[in-house]
C-alpha atoms as a PDB file:
ATOM      1  CA  GLY A   1      91.942 137.142  78.544  1.00  0.00           C
ATOM      2  CA  VAL A   2      92.581 139.528  75.661  1.00  0.00           C
ATOM      3  CA  PRO A   3      94.316 142.216  77.297  1.00  0.00           C
ATOM      4  CA  PHE A   4      93.156 145.055  74.480  1.00  0.00           C
ATOM      5  CA  PRO A   5      90.687 148.012  74.619  1.00  0.00           C
ATOM      6  CA  ASP A   6      88.434 146.158  72.083  1.00  0.00           C
ATOM      7  CA  ALA A   7      88.488 142.862  73.630  1.00  0.00           C
ATOM      8  CA  GLU A   8      84.754 142.074  73.735  1.00  0.00           C
ATOM      9  CA  GLY A   9      84.215 142.649  70.436  1.00  0.00           C
ATOM     10  CA  LEU A  10      87.495 141.111  69.464  1.00  0.00           C
ATOM     11  CA  VAL A  11      86.464 137.963  71.151  1.00  0.00           C
ATOM     12  CA  GLY A  12      83.138 137.703  69.003  1.00  0.00           C
ATOM     13  CA  GLU A  13      85.375 137.992  66.048  1.00  0.00           C
ATOM     14  CA  LEU A  14      87.436 134.978  66.908  1.00  0.00           C
ATOM     15  CA  ARG A  15      84.268 133.180  68.270  1.00  0.00           C
ATOM     16  CA  THR A  16      82.881 133.435  64.809  1.00  0.00           C
ATOM     17  CA  ALA A  17      86.561 132.957  63.330  1.00  0.00           C
ATOM     18  CA  VAL A  18      86.271 129.641  65.078  1.00  0.00           C
ATOM     19  CA  GLU A  19      83.000 128.668  63.495  1.00  0.00           C
ATOM     20  CA  GLU A  20      83.961 129.304  60.147  1.00  0.00           C
ATOM     21  CA  SER A  21      87.071 127.080  60.373  1.00  0.00           C
ATOM     22  CA  LEU A  22      85.361 124.450  62.201  1.00  0.00           C
ATOM     23  CA  ALA A  23      82.753 124.385  58.967  1.00  0.00           C
ATOM     24  CA  ARG A  24      85.476 124.314  56.548  1.00  0.00           C
ATOM     25  CA  SER A  25      86.989 121.269  58.349  1.00  0.00           C
ATOM     26  CA  ALA A  26      83.670 119.717  58.205  1.00  0.00           C
ATOM     27  CA  LYS A  27      83.239 120.296  54.309  1.00  0.00           C
ATOM     28  CA  ASP A  28      86.878 119.063  53.998  1.00  0.00           C
ATOM     29  CA  GLY A  29      85.950 116.005  55.487  1.00  0.00           C
ATOM     30  CA  ILE A  30      88.129 116.456  58.199  1.00  0.00           C
ATOM     31  CA  SER A  31      87.446 114.325  61.427  1.00  0.00           C
ATOM     32  CA  GLU A  32      90.606 113.733  63.293  1.00  0.00           C
ATOM     33  CA  ILE A  33      91.511 115.648  66.167  1.00  0.00           C
ATOM     34  CA  SER A  34      94.868 116.742  65.724  1.00  0.00           C
ATOM     35  CA  LEU A  35      93.968 117.512  62.157  1.00  0.00           C
ATOM     36  CA  LEU A  36      91.460 120.065  63.564  1.00  0.00           C
ATOM     37  CA  GLN A  37      93.604 121.819  66.172  1.00  0.00           C
ATOM     38  CA  THR A  38      95.918 122.494  63.576  1.00  0.00           C
ATOM     39  CA  HIS A  39      93.507 123.860  61.419  1.00  0.00           C
ATOM     40  CA  LEU A  40      92.270 125.846  63.651  1.00  0.00           C
ATOM     41  CA  HIS A  41      95.478 127.453  65.576  1.00  0.00           C
ATOM     42  CA  ASP A  42      96.671 128.040  61.761  1.00  0.00           C
ATOM     43  CA  ASP A  43      93.272 130.146  60.694  1.00  0.00           C
ATOM     44  CA  LEU A  44      93.256 131.984  64.330  1.00  0.00           C
ATOM     45  CA  ALA A  45      96.868 132.599  64.390  1.00  0.00           C
ATOM     46  CA  GLU A  46      96.122 134.369  60.712  1.00  0.00           C
ATOM     47  CA  PHE A  47      92.964 136.239  61.831  1.00  0.00           C
ATOM     48  CA  VAL A  48      94.800 137.529  64.831  1.00  0.00           C
ATOM     49  CA  TYR A  49      97.960 138.792  63.051  1.00  0.00           C
ATOM     50  CA  ARG A  50      95.695 140.149  60.465  1.00  0.00           C
ATOM     51  CA  ARG A  51      93.470 142.089  62.993  1.00  0.00           C
ATOM     52  CA  LEU A  52      96.024 143.172  65.362  1.00  0.00           C
ATOM     53  CA  LYS A  53      99.667 142.954  63.594  1.00  0.00           C
ATOM     54  CA  ARG A  54     100.788 140.718  66.519  1.00  0.00           C
ATOM     55  CA  ARG A  55     101.458 136.711  66.767  1.00  0.00           C
ATOM     56  CA  PRO A  56      99.775 135.214  69.792  1.00  0.00           C
ATOM     57  CA  MET A  57     100.070 131.997  71.340  1.00  0.00           C
ATOM     58  CA  VAL A  58      97.029 130.025  69.777  1.00  0.00           C
ATOM     59  CA  LEU A  59      96.565 126.877  72.068  1.00  0.00           C
ATOM     60  CA  PRO A  60      93.537 125.379  70.394  1.00  0.00           C
ATOM     61  CA  VAL A  61      91.826 122.482  72.133  1.00  0.00           C
ATOM     62  CA  VAL A  62      89.165 119.738  71.043  1.00  0.00           C
ATOM     63  CA  VAL A  63      87.607 117.934  72.976  1.00  0.00           C
ATOM     64  CA  GLU A  64      85.961 114.513  71.624  1.00  0.00           C
ATOM     65  CA  VAL A  65      82.271 114.491  72.701  1.00  0.00           C
END
């Protein structure tokens, strides 16, 4: 959950940030799960800090299918 007044809007923005991060990783040819998780973590932590001026615990989970 996201305990903020604009939580619904923030979740939508986070979804977009995840899609953009994954697209950049795919473009760079990154397919190793641990690297994807690291890139997602860094990109989302930076996004949330810019947006909320907070440093949240970001736990990306990538499931291989």
